[in-house]
Amino acid sequence: MHEAQTISALGALAHAQRLRTFRALVIAGPIGLTPSTLADQLQIARNAMSFHLKELAHADLVSVEQRGRHLIYRANFGQMDKLIGYLTEHCCQGSDCSPAPASSTPRVTDVSTTLHTPSSLTSPVSPTSCCKPDS
């Protein structure tokens, strides 16, 4: 991933509603969701959801497929992996990163409180089932 792509992706995610939308699509996995389902679940106006999905698609963070009369949006897990890879490349200058002290940053274990979304969007998705290519 190049710097310009990284800036585009981070810029797209730098809006609360787009970040929640992207996270909802990550949770949905390869099945994806329609814009109306996303709008209803995240309590975002449908026209605003359409705008946010276009911004995420422009940054290549989501893909869209026409299925009959419906559009199905999915998180682009390959692009997400590239973004994470770019951000963590050469982490700790190549040396082993020591884990952060347990008291330095509290861990969030209940994503429903951070997403402010219905519980239907907070079920975990195993990265091995949808995000990683088969080995």
C-alpha atoms as a PDB file:
ATOM      1  CA  MET A   1       0.000   0.000   0.000  1.00  0.00           C
ATOM      2  CA  HIS A   2       1.280   3.435  -0.883  1.00  0.00           C
ATOM      3  CA  GLU A   3       1.125   6.502   1.315  1.00  0.00           C
ATOM      4  CA  ALA A   4      -1.621   8.112  -0.797  1.00  0.00           C
ATOM      5  CA  GLN A   5      -3.824   5.009  -0.445  1.00  0.00           C
ATOM      6  CA  THR A   6      -3.216   4.978   3.295  1.00  0.00           C
ATOM      7  CA  ILE A   7      -4.194   8.630   3.615  1.00  0.00           C
ATOM      8  CA  SER A   8      -7.349   7.992   1.588  1.00  0.00           C
ATOM      9  CA  ALA A   9      -8.324   4.987   3.734  1.00  0.00           C
ATOM     10  CA  LEU A  10      -7.622   6.726   7.028  1.00  0.00           C
ATOM     11  CA  GLY A  11      -9.474   9.818   5.824  1.00  0.00           C
ATOM     12  CA  ALA A  12     -12.510   7.716   4.970  1.00  0.00           C
ATOM     13  CA  LEU A  13     -12.437   6.096   8.409  1.00  0.00           C
ATOM     14  CA  ALA A  14     -11.967   9.444  10.180  1.00  0.00           C
ATOM     15  CA  HIS A  15     -15.722  10.006  10.385  1.00  0.00           C
ATOM     16  CA  ALA A  16     -17.725   8.340  13.154  1.00  0.00           C
ATOM     17  CA  GLN A  17     -20.571   7.112  10.942  1.00  0.00           C
ATOM     18  CA  ARG A  18     -18.190   5.735   8.302  1.00  0.00           C
ATOM     19  CA  LEU A  19     -16.096   4.010  10.954  1.00  0.00           C
ATOM     20  CA  ARG A  20     -19.221   2.405  12.442  1.00  0.00           C
ATOM     21  CA  THR A  21     -20.364   1.415   8.954  1.00  0.00           C
ATOM     22  CA  PHE A  22     -17.017  -0.178   8.126  1.00  0.00           C
ATOM     23  CA  ARG A  23     -16.945  -2.034  11.447  1.00  0.00           C
ATOM     24  CA  ALA A  24     -20.485  -3.305  10.846  1.00  0.00           C
ATOM     25  CA  LEU A  25     -19.379  -4.644   7.450  1.00  0.00           C
ATOM     26  CA  VAL A  26     -16.330  -6.290   9.029  1.00  0.00           C
ATOM     27  CA  ILE A  27     -18.626  -7.950  11.562  1.00  0.00           C
ATOM     28  CA  ALA A  28     -21.004  -9.066   8.780  1.00  0.00           C
ATOM     29  CA  GLY A  29     -18.111 -10.802   7.048  1.00  0.00           C
ATOM     30  CA  PRO A  30     -18.303 -12.066   3.471  1.00  0.00           C
ATOM     31  CA  ILE A  31     -22.114 -12.097   3.490  1.00  0.00           C
ATOM     32  CA  GLY A  32     -22.189  -8.288   3.425  1.00  0.00           C
ATOM     33  CA  LEU A  33     -25.149  -6.011   4.018  1.00  0.00           C
ATOM     34  CA  THR A  34     -27.471  -3.831   1.984  1.00  0.00           C
ATOM     35  CA  PRO A  35     -27.370  -0.061   2.472  1.00  0.00           C
ATOM     36  CA  SER A  36     -30.895  -0.064   3.904  1.00  0.00           C
ATOM     37  CA  THR A  37     -30.001  -2.768   6.434  1.00  0.00           C
ATOM     38  CA  LEU A  38     -26.897  -0.829   7.465  1.00  0.00           C
ATOM     39  CA  ALA A  39     -28.860   2.416   7.742  1.00  0.00           C
ATOM     40  CA  ASP A  40     -31.547   0.795   9.870  1.00  0.00           C
ATOM     41  CA  GLN A  41     -29.117  -1.042  12.152  1.00  0.00           C
ATOM     42  CA  LEU A  42     -26.853   1.968  12.666  1.00  0.00           C
ATOM     43  CA  GLN A  43     -29.751   4.440  12.805  1.00  0.00           C
ATOM     44  CA  ILE A  44     -28.341   6.587  10.009  1.00  0.00           C
ATOM     45  CA  ALA A  45     -30.505   8.254   7.359  1.00  0.00           C
ATOM     46  CA  ARG A  46     -30.488   6.214   4.151  1.00  0.00           C
ATOM     47  CA  ASN A  47     -29.241   9.086   1.996  1.00  0.00           C
ATOM     48  CA  ALA A  48     -26.387   9.677   4.458  1.00  0.00           C
ATOM     49  CA  MET A  49     -25.563   5.950   4.423  1.00  0.00           C
ATOM     50  CA  SER A  50     -25.358   6.039   0.639  1.00  0.00           C
ATOM     51  CA  PHE A  51     -22.899   8.937   0.840  1.00  0.00           C
ATOM     52  CA  HIS A  52     -20.759   7.180   3.470  1.00  0.00           C
ATOM     53  CA  LEU A  53     -20.669   3.927   1.498  1.00  0.00           C
ATOM     54  CA  LYS A  54     -19.519   5.826  -1.603  1.00  0.00           C
ATOM     55  CA  GLU A  55     -16.702   7.399   0.427  1.00  0.00           C
ATOM     56  CA  LEU A  56     -15.636   3.995   1.766  1.00  0.00           C
ATOM     57  CA  ALA A  57     -15.800   2.507  -1.739  1.00  0.00           C
ATOM     58  CA  HIS A  58     -13.737   5.391  -3.133  1.00  0.00           C
ATOM     59  CA  ALA A  59     -11.062   4.534  -0.544  1.00  0.00           C
ATOM     60  CA  ASP A  60     -11.332   0.862  -1.634  1.00  0.00           C
ATOM     61  CA  LEU A  61     -12.340  -0.194   1.880  1.00  0.00           C
ATOM     62  CA  VAL A  62     -15.600  -1.755   0.701  1.00  0.00           C
ATOM     63  CA  SER A  63     -16.741  -3.569  -2.393  1.00  0.00           C
ATOM     64  CA  VAL A  64     -20.224  -3.545  -3.847  1.00  0.00           C
ATOM     65  CA  GLU A  65     -22.085  -6.217  -5.780  1.00  0.00           C
ATOM     66  CA  GLN A  66     -25.404  -5.849  -7.568  1.00  0.00           C
ATOM     67  CA  ARG A  67     -27.650  -8.780  -6.682  1.00  0.00           C
ATOM     68  CA  GLY A  68     -30.938  -8.363  -8.495  1.00  0.00           C
ATOM     69  CA  ARG A  69     -32.380  -5.040  -7.379  1.00  0.00           C
ATOM     70  CA  HIS A  70     -30.159  -4.881  -4.308  1.00  0.00           C
ATOM     71  CA  LEU A  71     -26.629  -3.679  -3.700  1.00  0.00           C
ATOM     72  CA  ILE A  72     -24.566  -5.759  -1.294  1.00  0.00           C
ATOM     73  CA  TYR A  73     -21.637  -4.022   0.389  1.00  0.00           C
ATOM     74  CA  ARG A  74     -18.762  -5.964   1.918  1.00  0.00           C
ATOM     75  CA  ALA A  75     -15.625  -4.945   3.764  1.00  0.00           C
ATOM     76  CA  ASN A  76     -12.545  -5.266   1.562  1.00  0.00           C
ATOM     77  CA  PHE A  77     -10.507  -7.445   3.911  1.00  0.00           C
ATOM     78  CA  GLY A  78      -7.502  -7.428   1.594  1.00  0.00           C
ATOM     79  CA  GLN A  79      -7.342  -3.636   1.688  1.00  0.00           C
ATOM     80  CA  MET A  80      -7.898  -3.656   5.445  1.00  0.00           C
ATOM     81  CA  ASP A  81      -4.964  -6.056   5.843  1.00  0.00           C
ATOM     82  CA  LYS A  82      -2.796  -3.824   3.632  1.00  0.00           C
ATOM     83  CA  LEU A  83      -3.687  -0.784   5.740  1.00  0.00           C
ATOM     84  CA  ILE A  84      -2.821  -2.582   8.966  1.00  0.00           C
ATOM     85  CA  GLY A  85       0.373  -3.884   7.370  1.00  0.00           C
ATOM     86  CA  TYR A  86       1.399  -0.407   6.247  1.00  0.00           C
ATOM     87  CA  LEU A  87       0.764   1.024   9.706  1.00  0.00           C
ATOM     88  CA  THR A  88       2.695  -1.716  11.476  1.00  0.00           C
ATOM     89  CA  GLU A  89       5.512  -2.175   8.973  1.00  0.00           C
ATOM     90  CA  HIS A  90       8.871  -1.942  10.724  1.00  0.00           C
ATOM     91  CA  CYS A  91       7.132  -1.784  14.093  1.00  0.00           C
ATOM     92  CA  CYS A  92       9.632  -1.285  16.909  1.00  0.00           C
ATOM     93  CA  GLN A  93      12.386  -0.994  14.291  1.00  0.00           C
ATOM     94  CA  GLY A  94      12.272  -4.721  13.620  1.00  0.00           C
ATOM     95  CA  SER A  95      12.866  -5.807  17.212  1.00  0.00           C
ATOM     96  CA  ASP A  96      10.380  -7.768  19.266  1.00  0.00           C
ATOM     97  CA  CYS A  97       7.644  -5.503  20.547  1.00  0.00           C
ATOM     98  CA  SER A  98       7.145  -5.964  24.233  1.00  0.00           C
ATOM     99  CA  PRO A  99       3.526  -6.070  25.322  1.00  0.00           C
ATOM    100  CA  ALA A 100       2.168  -2.912  26.884  1.00  0.00           C
ATOM    101  CA  PRO A 101       1.780  -2.987  30.657  1.00  0.00           C
ATOM    102  CA  ALA A 102      -1.668  -4.228  31.612  1.00  0.00           C
ATOM    103  CA  SER A 103      -2.530  -1.007  33.428  1.00  0.00           C
ATOM    104  CA  SER A 104      -1.487   1.387  30.646  1.00  0.00           C
ATOM    105  CA  THR A 105      -4.525   1.046  28.402  1.00  0.00           C
ATOM    106  CA  PRO A 106      -7.806  -0.521  29.406  1.00  0.00           C
ATOM    107  CA  ARG A 107      -9.027  -3.144  26.980  1.00  0.00           C
ATOM    108  CA  VAL A 108     -12.522  -2.869  25.614  1.00  0.00           C
ATOM    109  CA  THR A 109     -14.221  -6.221  25.812  1.00  0.00           C
ATOM    110  CA  ASP A 110     -17.773  -5.194  24.987  1.00  0.00           C
ATOM    111  CA  VAL A 111     -17.780  -3.677  21.511  1.00  0.00           C
ATOM    112  CA  SER A 112     -21.471  -2.858  21.742  1.00  0.00           C
ATOM    113  CA  THR A 113     -20.647  -0.010  24.117  1.00  0.00           C
ATOM    114  CA  THR A 114     -18.042   1.410  21.768  1.00  0.00           C
ATOM    115  CA  LEU A 115     -20.019   0.975  18.558  1.00  0.00           C
ATOM    116  CA  HIS A 116     -23.321   2.273  19.944  1.00  0.00           C
ATOM    117  CA  THR A 117     -25.031  -0.243  17.696  1.00  0.00           C
ATOM    118  CA  PRO A 118     -27.648  -2.906  18.228  1.00  0.00           C
ATOM    119  CA  SER A 119     -26.357  -6.206  19.596  1.00  0.00           C
ATOM    120  CA  SER A 120     -26.959  -7.832  16.198  1.00  0.00           C
ATOM    121  CA  LEU A 121     -23.868  -6.003  14.936  1.00  0.00           C
ATOM    122  CA  THR A 122     -21.588  -6.882  17.801  1.00  0.00           C
ATOM    123  CA  SER A 123     -21.210 -10.626  17.401  1.00  0.00           C
ATOM    124  CA  PRO A 124     -17.566 -11.488  16.809  1.00  0.00           C
ATOM    125  CA  VAL A 125     -16.308 -12.669  13.438  1.00  0.00           C
ATOM    126  CA  SER A 126     -13.377 -15.010  13.465  1.00  0.00           C
ATOM    127  CA  PRO A 127     -10.546 -13.533  11.359  1.00  0.00           C
ATOM    128  CA  THR A 128      -9.655 -17.030  10.230  1.00  0.00           C
ATOM    129  CA  SER A 129     -13.107 -17.572   8.758  1.00  0.00           C
ATOM    130  CA  CYS A 130     -13.410 -14.497   6.559  1.00  0.00           C
ATOM    131  CA  CYS A 131     -10.422 -12.202   6.690  1.00  0.00           C
ATOM    132  CA  LYS A 132      -7.482 -14.443   5.967  1.00  0.00           C
ATOM    133  CA  PRO A 133      -6.875 -16.412   2.777  1.00  0.00           C
ATOM    134  CA  ASP A 134      -6.967 -20.194   3.120  1.00  0.00           C
ATOM    135  CA  SER A 135      -3.546 -21.666   3.813  1.00  0.00           C
END
